Amino acid sequence: MADAGHDGDGPEDGDEPESGPGRSGRHGSSGPGRTTKKKKRKGSFWRELPLLIVVAVVLTFVIQTFLARIYVIPSASMERTLHGCNGCANDRVAVDKITYRFSGPSPGDVVVFRGPPSWGANDEVSGEEPSGNALVRGLQSGLSLVGLAPPNEKDFVKRVIATGGQTVACCDAQNRVTVDGRPLNEPYIYYQPNLGRTQADFAPVRVPDGQLWVMGDNRNNSADARVHGPIGVTDVIGKARVIVLPVGRWGGVPDTDPQAQPSALGAPAWTSGAPLAAGVLVGVPLVGGSRRLRRRWSAYHGGSRAPDDPDPLGPGDRDGPPRPDQTGR
């Protein structure tokens, strides 16, 4: 009698289907189909490579246009904050282009800006005009995006000294620039040897609204606002943040505010809490010590102790020395 669950036409329980020609087994042996897939995978990389290059170039352009860009320091006008000279390994700085979209430049900021027309004769970036050859000009533009070539436009880097509405002049009796009659504190100034240590005097200048008075840190070797006049806030490209090359000079670009007034006696802010801290450190041991002395004095003279106070004397000395009214009996 045939089993109800078996019709007798198929293979018996436990039998494996037979493998025929052109048919792969259950575990899948390698065949022509798999070889074709490997070839497709290998070929897909080369087809995608041009797309990856295009995406990388577009991202680089977007980042350097709207977020940050690498600039070469071409001159010595910002020594020693930023290094630049003919035939040297000039500093490459990363310039932040986002900050000034939300706030304006402040005194002490080191900024990169496009030279206004009045700055056109500035010889600090001489020889940086674009090439007349379209191919060379395109190559220069591409290299400038990553800091391997100077920008095509005449860009400068200086430090903001005063902003719109302020009056700047030089110099007071101690050879200091003044803003609104107050002398500046400029620890970053560098006087190049053989150029003297006296700044050139200039009459008071009121900086127009929307403009900046900028000067170089290498004070006697910088053609800046003293020569060409102030620059517009709209000419500013960004704020110099980090020296990225050469590796030995890697670090942040200081933005010391020269108009900041030092606190009284020049004491750091953290020292304002020093007297209180000293009082706590000295007072705690004194309070604890006086409390112990009072307990010992009370025990010595037969005074009462609170039930929960620890015994200040050892077990053998609890009675203490005899009092004057006691006699040795």
Protein backbone atom coordinates (compact mmCIF):
# COMPACT_ATOMS: atom_id res chain seq x y z
CA MET A 1 0.00 0.00 0.00
CA ALA A 2 1.51 3.31 -1.03
CA ASP A 3 2.33 5.98 1.54
CA ALA A 4 -0.18 8.88 1.37
CA GLY A 5 2.68 11.37 1.52
CA HIS A 6 4.64 9.82 -1.35
CA ASP A 7 3.42 9.46 -4.94
CA GLY A 8 6.19 7.07 -5.98
CA ASP A 9 7.32 9.18 -8.96
CA GLY A 10 10.02 11.36 -7.34
CA PRO A 11 13.25 10.34 -5.63
CA GLU A 12 13.10 8.51 -2.39
CA ASP A 13 13.66 10.30 0.91
CA GLY A 14 17.34 11.06 1.42
CA ASP A 15 18.18 10.84 -2.32
CA GLU A 16 20.07 13.81 -3.85
CA PRO A 17 19.04 15.14 -7.28
CA GLU A 18 21.37 14.05 -9.99
CA SER A 19 23.78 16.54 -11.40
CA GLY A 20 23.73 16.85 -15.12
CA PRO A 21 25.97 18.59 -17.53
CA GLY A 22 25.86 22.38 -17.28
CA ARG A 23 24.15 22.20 -13.90
CA SER A 24 25.85 23.23 -10.68
CA GLY A 25 25.43 21.31 -7.47
CA ARG A 26 23.83 22.52 -4.27
CA HIS A 27 27.07 24.11 -3.01
CA GLY A 28 27.63 25.97 -6.27
CA SER A 29 30.77 25.25 -8.23
CA SER A 30 32.49 28.04 -10.13
CA GLY A 31 31.13 28.51 -13.58
CA PRO A 32 31.16 30.95 -16.46
CA GLY A 33 28.58 33.19 -14.76
CA ARG A 34 30.81 33.89 -11.77
CA THR A 35 33.81 34.77 -13.91
CA THR A 36 31.70 37.34 -15.74
CA LYS A 37 30.71 39.00 -12.45
CA LYS A 38 34.37 39.33 -11.40
CA LYS A 39 35.21 40.97 -14.69
CA LYS A 40 32.31 43.38 -14.26
CA ARG A 41 33.44 44.33 -10.76
CA LYS A 42 37.00 44.98 -11.89
CA GLY A 43 35.88 47.07 -14.83
CA SER A 44 33.41 49.13 -12.80
CA PHE A 45 36.24 50.83 -10.82
CA TRP A 46 37.76 52.32 -13.96
CA ARG A 47 34.36 53.49 -15.13
CA GLU A 48 33.71 55.18 -11.77
CA LEU A 49 37.17 56.75 -11.46
CA PRO A 50 36.39 59.77 -13.70
CA LEU A 51 33.24 60.42 -11.66
CA LEU A 52 35.24 60.29 -8.41
CA ILE A 53 37.75 62.77 -9.82
CA VAL A 54 34.99 65.15 -10.88
CA VAL A 55 33.34 64.94 -7.44
CA ALA A 56 36.68 65.59 -5.70
CA VAL A 57 37.36 68.65 -7.88
CA VAL A 58 33.87 70.04 -7.29
CA LEU A 59 34.14 69.54 -3.53
CA THR A 60 37.56 71.20 -3.50
CA PHE A 61 36.16 74.17 -5.41
CA VAL A 62 33.15 74.51 -3.08
CA ILE A 63 35.24 74.22 0.09
CA GLN A 64 37.87 76.71 -1.04
CA THR A 65 35.31 79.15 -2.40
CA PHE A 66 32.90 79.23 0.54
CA LEU A 67 34.61 77.64 3.60
CA ALA A 68 38.40 77.92 3.64
CA ARG A 69 41.37 78.30 1.35
CA ILE A 70 45.15 77.98 1.47
CA TYR A 71 47.13 81.14 0.74
CA VAL A 72 50.84 81.69 0.22
CA ILE A 73 52.50 84.51 2.16
CA PRO A 74 54.53 86.29 -0.54
CA SER A 75 56.37 88.99 1.44
CA ALA A 76 58.08 89.77 4.75
CA SER A 77 55.54 92.43 5.80
CA MET A 78 54.05 90.17 8.49
CA GLU A 79 57.29 88.87 9.98
CA ARG A 80 57.61 87.26 12.40
CA THR A 81 54.00 86.25 12.73
CA LEU A 82 53.95 84.97 9.13
CA HIS A 83 57.07 84.10 7.16
CA GLY A 84 57.58 85.12 3.54
CA CYS A 85 60.58 86.09 1.43
CA ASN A 86 62.01 85.60 -2.03
CA GLY A 87 63.59 82.18 -2.46
CA CYS A 88 62.35 80.90 0.92
CA ALA A 89 59.83 78.26 1.99
CA ASN A 90 57.00 80.75 2.43
CA ASP A 91 54.24 80.03 4.92
CA ARG A 92 50.97 78.54 3.69
CA VAL A 93 48.04 79.65 5.83
CA ALA A 94 44.49 78.34 6.03
CA VAL A 95 42.06 81.24 5.73
CA ASP A 96 38.62 80.94 7.33
CA LYS A 97 35.91 82.34 5.04
CA ILE A 98 32.93 81.60 7.32
CA THR A 99 33.55 83.80 10.38
CA TYR A 100 33.01 87.12 8.65
CA ARG A 101 29.70 85.99 7.19
CA PHE A 102 28.29 86.37 10.71
CA SER A 103 30.51 89.07 12.25
CA GLY A 104 32.88 91.80 11.17
CA PRO A 105 36.68 91.90 11.50
CA SER A 106 37.95 93.01 14.91
CA PRO A 107 41.16 94.77 15.98
CA GLY A 108 43.98 92.24 16.13
CA ASP A 109 42.59 89.92 13.43
CA VAL A 110 45.05 88.90 10.72
CA VAL A 111 43.04 89.15 7.50
CA VAL A 112 43.53 88.33 3.84
CA PHE A 113 41.91 90.84 1.49
CA ARG A 114 41.70 91.81 -2.16
CA GLY A 115 43.72 94.92 -2.79
CA PRO A 116 41.49 97.93 -3.58
CA PRO A 117 42.43 100.05 -6.62
CA SER A 118 44.55 102.31 -4.40
CA TRP A 119 46.67 99.29 -3.49
CA GLY A 120 47.41 98.38 -7.11
CA ALA A 121 50.93 99.82 -7.04
CA ASN A 122 51.89 97.81 -3.96
CA ASP A 123 55.14 95.98 -4.75
CA GLU A 124 54.61 93.29 -2.09
CA VAL A 125 52.92 91.04 -4.69
CA SER A 126 54.77 92.17 -7.81
CA GLY A 127 55.03 89.58 -10.55
CA GLU A 128 51.78 87.82 -9.59
CA GLU A 129 49.80 88.92 -12.67
CA PRO A 130 47.95 86.08 -14.48
CA SER A 131 49.75 84.52 -17.44
CA GLY A 132 48.64 85.45 -20.95
CA ASN A 133 48.60 81.77 -21.91
CA ALA A 134 45.18 80.24 -21.24
CA LEU A 135 46.64 76.81 -20.40
CA VAL A 136 49.23 78.23 -18.00
CA ARG A 137 46.64 80.53 -16.45
CA GLY A 138 44.32 77.58 -15.83
CA LEU A 139 47.16 75.59 -14.29
CA GLN A 140 48.07 78.53 -12.01
CA SER A 141 44.46 78.86 -10.93
CA GLY A 142 44.22 75.16 -10.10
CA LEU A 143 47.46 75.15 -8.13
CA SER A 144 46.43 78.27 -6.22
CA LEU A 145 43.38 76.42 -4.89
CA VAL A 146 45.65 74.18 -2.81
CA GLY A 147 48.28 76.78 -2.00
CA LEU A 148 50.91 75.56 -4.46
CA ALA A 149 50.82 78.84 -6.38
CA PRO A 150 49.91 82.42 -5.41
CA PRO A 151 46.32 83.55 -6.12
CA ASN A 152 45.71 85.18 -9.49
CA GLU A 153 44.31 88.34 -7.93
CA LYS A 154 46.41 90.75 -5.85
CA ASP A 155 45.64 89.59 -2.34
CA PHE A 156 47.32 90.92 0.79
CA VAL A 157 47.60 89.89 4.42
CA LYS A 158 47.73 92.46 7.25
CA ARG A 159 46.55 92.96 10.81
CA VAL A 160 43.48 95.02 11.67
CA ILE A 161 44.47 97.97 13.87
CA ALA A 162 41.30 100.08 13.88
CA THR A 163 37.76 99.81 12.56
CA GLY A 164 35.23 102.26 11.15
CA GLY A 165 34.62 105.35 13.28
CA GLN A 166 37.93 105.15 15.18
CA THR A 167 40.79 107.63 14.85
CA VAL A 168 44.29 106.23 14.45
CA ALA A 169 47.58 108.15 14.68
CA CYS A 170 51.29 107.65 15.29
CA CYS A 171 53.14 108.08 17.45
CA ASP A 172 53.07 108.96 21.14
CA ALA A 173 56.14 109.75 23.24
CA GLN A 174 56.89 106.02 23.58
CA ASN A 175 56.73 105.30 19.82
CA ARG A 176 53.30 103.66 20.01
CA VAL A 177 50.34 103.85 17.62
CA THR A 178 47.25 105.35 19.23
CA VAL A 179 43.55 104.73 18.58
CA ASP A 180 41.13 107.35 19.87
CA GLY A 181 44.03 108.81 21.83
CA ARG A 182 44.89 105.59 23.69
CA PRO A 183 48.22 103.84 23.02
CA LEU A 184 48.11 100.29 21.66
CA ASN A 185 49.74 97.25 23.18
CA GLU A 186 51.37 95.46 20.21
CA PRO A 187 53.61 92.59 21.34
CA TYR A 188 53.67 91.17 17.79
CA ILE A 189 55.60 94.10 16.26
CA TYR A 190 58.91 93.14 14.64
CA TYR A 191 61.60 95.67 13.72
CA GLN A 192 63.69 94.29 10.88
CA PRO A 193 67.43 94.86 11.37
CA ASN A 194 68.93 97.87 9.59
CA LEU A 195 65.50 99.53 9.25
CA GLY A 196 65.45 101.22 12.64
CA ARG A 197 63.13 100.84 15.60
CA THR A 198 61.16 104.06 15.21
CA GLN A 199 57.78 104.02 13.48
CA ALA A 200 57.01 106.63 10.88
CA ASP A 201 54.75 109.39 12.17
CA PHE A 202 51.41 110.11 10.53
CA ALA A 203 48.65 112.57 11.36
CA PRO A 204 45.39 111.39 12.95
CA VAL A 205 43.10 109.63 10.47
CA ARG A 206 39.45 108.89 11.15
CA VAL A 207 38.63 105.51 9.60
CA PRO A 208 35.42 105.81 7.54
CA ASP A 209 32.50 103.58 8.47
CA GLY A 210 32.66 100.21 6.72
CA GLN A 211 36.45 100.37 6.37
CA LEU A 212 39.49 99.02 8.23
CA TRP A 213 42.91 100.40 9.07
CA VAL A 214 45.41 97.59 8.53
CA MET A 215 49.17 97.45 9.15
CA GLY A 216 51.94 94.88 8.90
CA ASP A 217 53.62 93.35 11.95
CA ASN A 218 57.03 94.05 10.34
CA ARG A 219 56.25 97.67 11.00
CA ASN A 220 59.08 99.34 9.09
CA ASN A 221 58.90 97.01 6.08
CA SER A 222 55.21 97.07 5.20
CA ALA A 223 53.38 99.12 2.57
CA ASP A 224 50.00 99.23 4.30
CA ALA A 225 47.23 101.69 5.17
CA ARG A 226 49.83 104.34 5.98
CA VAL A 227 50.72 104.35 2.27
CA HIS A 228 47.55 103.23 0.47
CA GLY A 229 44.79 104.18 2.89
CA PRO A 230 42.16 101.99 4.60
CA ILE A 231 40.44 99.04 2.98
CA GLY A 232 36.75 98.18 2.77
CA VAL A 233 35.24 95.46 4.94
CA THR A 234 33.82 94.01 1.72
CA ASP A 235 37.38 93.53 0.41
CA VAL A 236 38.18 91.06 3.20
CA ILE A 237 38.34 87.45 2.03
CA GLY A 238 38.76 85.79 5.40
CA LYS A 239 40.68 85.43 8.64
CA ALA A 240 44.08 83.71 8.75
CA ARG A 241 43.70 80.85 11.23
CA VAL A 242 46.48 78.26 10.93
CA ILE A 243 49.95 77.97 9.41
CA VAL A 244 49.75 74.63 7.61
CA LEU A 245 53.15 74.62 5.86
CA PRO A 246 56.04 74.26 6.35
CA VAL A 247 55.51 71.58 8.98
CA GLY A 248 58.08 73.10 11.33
CA ARG A 249 55.99 76.28 11.65
CA TRP A 250 52.61 74.60 12.02
CA GLY A 251 50.38 76.42 14.50
CA GLY A 252 47.65 78.99 15.00
CA VAL A 253 47.88 82.62 13.90
CA PRO A 254 47.60 84.84 17.02
CA ASP A 255 44.89 87.52 16.95
CA THR A 256 45.98 89.63 19.93
CA ASP A 257 43.71 92.65 20.33
CA PRO A 258 46.02 95.70 20.56
CA GLN A 259 43.20 97.85 21.94
CA ALA A 260 42.52 95.59 24.93
CA GLN A 261 43.37 97.40 28.15
CA PRO A 262 45.37 95.39 30.73
CA SER A 263 43.78 94.92 34.14
CA ALA A 264 45.04 96.83 37.17
CA LEU A 265 48.65 95.96 38.05
CA GLY A 266 48.62 93.61 35.09
CA ALA A 267 47.49 90.72 37.27
CA PRO A 268 45.99 87.69 35.49
CA ALA A 269 42.27 87.18 36.01
CA TRP A 270 42.75 83.92 37.90
CA THR A 271 44.65 85.70 40.68
CA SER A 272 41.49 87.54 41.80
CA GLY A 273 40.44 84.45 43.75
CA ALA A 274 43.86 83.85 45.33
CA PRO A 275 43.18 85.70 48.65
CA LEU A 276 39.97 83.74 49.23
CA ALA A 277 41.70 80.44 48.46
CA ALA A 278 44.59 81.30 50.78
CA GLY A 279 42.14 82.21 53.55
CA VAL A 280 40.38 78.86 53.21
CA LEU A 281 43.64 76.90 53.21
CA VAL A 282 44.91 78.67 56.33
CA GLY A 283 41.57 79.01 58.15
CA VAL A 284 40.51 75.35 58.07
CA PRO A 285 43.56 74.02 59.98
CA LEU A 286 43.32 76.89 62.48
CA VAL A 287 39.67 76.23 63.23
CA GLY A 288 40.26 72.51 63.62
CA GLY A 289 43.33 73.05 65.81
CA SER A 290 41.62 75.56 68.12
CA ARG A 291 38.73 73.15 68.64
CA ARG A 292 41.11 70.40 69.74
CA LEU A 293 42.91 72.81 72.09
CA ARG A 294 39.61 73.82 73.71
CA ARG A 295 38.73 70.16 74.30
CA ARG A 296 42.12 69.43 75.88
CA TRP A 297 41.86 72.52 78.07
CA SER A 298 38.38 71.55 79.26
CA ALA A 299 39.49 67.99 80.05
CA TYR A 300 42.59 69.20 81.89
CA HIS A 301 40.57 71.47 84.18
CA GLY A 302 37.76 69.00 84.81
CA GLY A 303 35.32 70.61 82.46
CA SER A 304 32.44 68.67 81.09
CA ARG A 305 32.49 67.10 77.63
CA ALA A 306 29.59 66.42 75.41
CA PRO A 307 28.63 62.75 75.44
CA ASP A 308 29.45 62.38 71.78
CA ASP A 309 32.81 64.21 71.90
CA PRO A 310 35.80 61.91 71.58
CA ASP A 311 38.03 61.66 74.58
CA PRO A 312 40.95 64.01 73.92
CA LEU A 313 43.18 62.15 76.36
CA GLY A 314 44.26 58.57 76.45
CA PRO A 315 42.62 56.04 78.83
CA GLY A 316 45.49 56.29 81.31
CA ASP A 317 45.38 60.09 81.49
CA ARG A 318 41.63 60.54 81.78
CA ASP A 319 41.80 61.80 85.43
CA GLY A 320 44.67 64.20 84.66
CA PRO A 321 47.09 65.60 87.23
CA PRO A 322 45.83 66.35 90.77
CA ARG A 323 44.06 69.65 91.23
CA PRO A 324 45.23 72.12 93.90
CA ASP A 325 42.41 71.12 96.28
CA GLN A 326 43.45 67.49 96.15
CA THR A 327 46.14 65.95 98.37
CA GLY A 328 47.86 62.72 98.01
CA ARG A 329 46.16 60.37 100.36
